[in-house]
Amino acid sequence: MSAPRKFLGRGFAFPLQVTRNGGIAMASEESLVQQSIWLILATSKGELQRNPNFGCGIHDLVFTDNIPAARAQIAHQVRDALLRWERRIDLIDLVVEQGEAPNQLLIAIDYRLRSTHAVGNLVFPFYLFDEGGTSRAA
């Protein structure tokens, strides 16, 4: 078993969960970093009253058409948000591509932890406005 990496932090698990003992579930190390990335992307700017700049600007683009220019703008917003809010990583690659549904985009992020040089990846599904009148970011 590897040595604990306390320098990566410890915090509440996302999404918020209750343990069997009635406590709040915690996350640490690489798991906490990955959950932090997810939280940054899932939060729209202005959503947090005490920190209105936190989050990612992709939520302003849910009504755009699924075209290459929109995907490039989404990639730009994701890159800016991660560079600003998750300083424990270096981005290696970021790709936004069409998902299975016409309104689904998959945001694939490859990153390296600065402290350990461990490589991680995450795929964040993002949904554009669809014909049924709904939009959502997962």
Protein backbone atom coordinates (compact mmCIF):
# COMPACT_ATOMS: atom_id res chain seq x y z
CA MET A 1 0.00 0.00 0.00
CA SER A 2 1.33 3.44 -0.91
CA ALA A 3 2.07 6.15 1.62
CA PRO A 4 -0.74 8.62 2.31
CA ARG A 5 -0.62 11.78 0.20
CA LYS A 6 -1.97 14.26 2.71
CA PHE A 7 -0.67 17.19 0.67
CA LEU A 8 -3.42 16.52 -1.92
CA GLY A 9 -6.01 17.33 0.71
CA ARG A 10 -9.07 15.85 2.32
CA GLY A 11 -12.63 17.14 2.12
CA PHE A 12 -16.29 16.30 1.74
CA ALA A 13 -17.08 13.75 -0.96
CA PHE A 14 -18.99 15.03 -3.98
CA PRO A 15 -21.85 14.54 -4.31
CA LEU A 16 -22.47 14.98 -0.60
CA GLN A 17 -23.11 11.60 1.03
CA VAL A 18 -23.88 10.24 4.47
CA THR A 19 -21.90 7.27 5.80
CA ARG A 20 -23.43 4.23 7.53
CA ASN A 21 -22.48 5.78 10.85
CA GLY A 22 -24.37 8.98 10.05
CA GLY A 23 -21.27 11.06 9.30
CA ILE A 24 -20.40 12.97 6.16
CA ALA A 25 -18.46 10.93 3.57
CA MET A 26 -14.97 12.25 2.95
CA ALA A 27 -12.67 12.06 -0.07
CA SER A 28 -8.91 12.39 -0.14
CA GLU A 29 -5.88 12.35 -2.37
CA GLU A 30 -6.45 11.68 -6.12
CA SER A 31 -10.17 11.09 -5.57
CA LEU A 32 -10.57 14.54 -4.05
CA VAL A 33 -8.83 16.18 -7.01
CA GLN A 34 -11.07 14.37 -9.49
CA GLN A 35 -14.18 15.31 -7.52
CA SER A 36 -12.95 18.90 -7.44
CA ILE A 37 -12.64 18.94 -11.24
CA TRP A 38 -16.19 17.57 -11.55
CA LEU A 39 -17.51 20.17 -9.12
CA ILE A 40 -15.84 23.03 -11.02
CA LEU A 41 -17.40 21.88 -14.30
CA ALA A 42 -20.83 21.21 -12.79
CA THR A 43 -21.08 24.65 -11.17
CA SER A 44 -22.14 27.58 -13.31
CA LYS A 45 -20.58 30.98 -12.69
CA GLY A 46 -22.77 33.01 -10.36
CA GLU A 47 -24.34 29.91 -8.80
CA LEU A 48 -22.47 30.31 -5.52
CA GLN A 49 -23.59 33.48 -3.83
CA ARG A 50 -20.47 33.87 -1.69
CA ASN A 51 -18.13 33.23 -4.63
CA PRO A 52 -19.91 34.23 -7.86
CA ASN A 53 -16.76 33.81 -9.98
CA PHE A 54 -16.38 30.12 -9.06
CA GLY A 55 -17.39 27.56 -11.65
CA CYS A 56 -17.27 27.12 -15.38
CA GLY A 57 -18.75 29.26 -18.16
CA ILE A 58 -19.98 26.28 -20.19
CA HIS A 59 -23.44 26.65 -18.68
CA ASP A 60 -23.87 29.92 -20.59
CA LEU A 61 -23.55 27.87 -23.80
CA VAL A 62 -26.37 25.34 -23.33
CA PHE A 63 -28.45 27.10 -25.99
CA THR A 64 -25.74 27.01 -28.68
CA ASP A 65 -25.80 24.72 -31.68
CA ASN A 66 -23.60 21.64 -31.63
CA ILE A 67 -21.05 22.93 -34.11
CA PRO A 68 -17.24 22.97 -34.05
CA ALA A 69 -17.10 26.65 -33.01
CA ALA A 70 -19.33 25.97 -29.99
CA ARG A 71 -17.25 22.94 -29.00
CA ALA A 72 -14.09 25.09 -29.24
CA GLN A 73 -15.71 27.73 -27.00
CA ILE A 74 -16.70 25.03 -24.48
CA ALA A 75 -13.11 23.71 -24.47
CA HIS A 76 -11.86 27.26 -23.87
CA GLN A 77 -14.27 27.75 -20.94
CA VAL A 78 -13.26 24.41 -19.38
CA ARG A 79 -9.55 25.18 -19.75
CA ASP A 80 -9.96 28.63 -18.17
CA ALA A 81 -11.98 27.26 -15.24
CA LEU A 82 -9.53 24.44 -14.49
CA LEU A 83 -6.49 26.69 -14.75
CA ARG A 84 -8.09 29.14 -12.33
CA TRP A 85 -9.70 26.82 -9.79
CA GLU A 86 -7.73 23.56 -9.73
CA ARG A 87 -4.10 24.42 -9.16
CA ARG A 88 -3.09 20.90 -8.17
CA ILE A 89 -3.13 19.78 -11.82
CA ASP A 90 -1.50 20.48 -15.17
CA LEU A 91 -3.76 19.94 -18.18
CA ILE A 92 -2.30 17.47 -20.66
CA ASP A 93 -5.17 17.32 -23.14
CA LEU A 94 -8.74 18.56 -23.44
CA VAL A 95 -11.13 17.33 -26.13
CA VAL A 96 -14.81 18.16 -26.61
CA GLU A 97 -16.60 15.75 -28.93
CA GLN A 98 -20.09 14.63 -29.91
CA GLY A 99 -21.68 12.09 -27.58
CA GLU A 100 -24.26 9.43 -28.43
CA ALA A 101 -27.21 11.86 -28.47
CA PRO A 102 -27.28 14.90 -30.79
CA ASN A 103 -27.35 17.26 -27.80
CA GLN A 104 -24.66 15.46 -25.78
CA LEU A 105 -21.04 16.56 -25.69
CA LEU A 106 -18.29 14.61 -23.96
CA ILE A 107 -15.54 16.70 -22.40
CA ALA A 108 -12.47 14.47 -22.07
CA ILE A 109 -9.78 15.83 -19.74
CA ASP A 110 -6.32 14.34 -19.28
CA TYR A 111 -4.29 15.86 -16.46
CA ARG A 112 -1.21 15.33 -14.32
CA LEU A 113 -1.05 15.96 -10.58
CA ARG A 114 1.68 18.51 -10.00
CA SER A 115 2.79 17.03 -6.70
CA THR A 116 3.16 13.38 -7.73
CA HIS A 117 3.16 13.50 -11.55
CA ALA A 118 0.42 10.86 -11.48
CA VAL A 119 -1.77 11.03 -14.57
CA GLY A 120 -5.55 11.09 -14.37
CA ASN A 121 -8.47 11.51 -16.72
CA LEU A 122 -12.13 12.37 -16.53
CA VAL A 123 -15.00 12.48 -19.04
CA PHE A 124 -17.67 15.04 -18.21
CA PRO A 125 -20.97 14.76 -20.12
CA PHE A 126 -22.50 18.11 -21.06
CA TYR A 127 -25.93 18.55 -22.60
CA LEU A 128 -27.01 21.29 -24.96
CA PHE A 129 -30.60 22.50 -25.26
CA ASP A 130 -32.61 19.80 -27.04
CA GLU A 131 -35.78 19.78 -29.10
CA GLY A 132 -37.88 18.69 -26.11
CA GLY A 133 -37.28 22.01 -24.38
CA THR A 134 -34.87 20.84 -21.70
CA SER A 135 -31.20 21.31 -21.08
CA ARG A 136 -28.95 20.09 -18.33
CA ALA A 137 -25.36 19.50 -17.38
CA ALA A 138 -24.78 16.15 -15.70
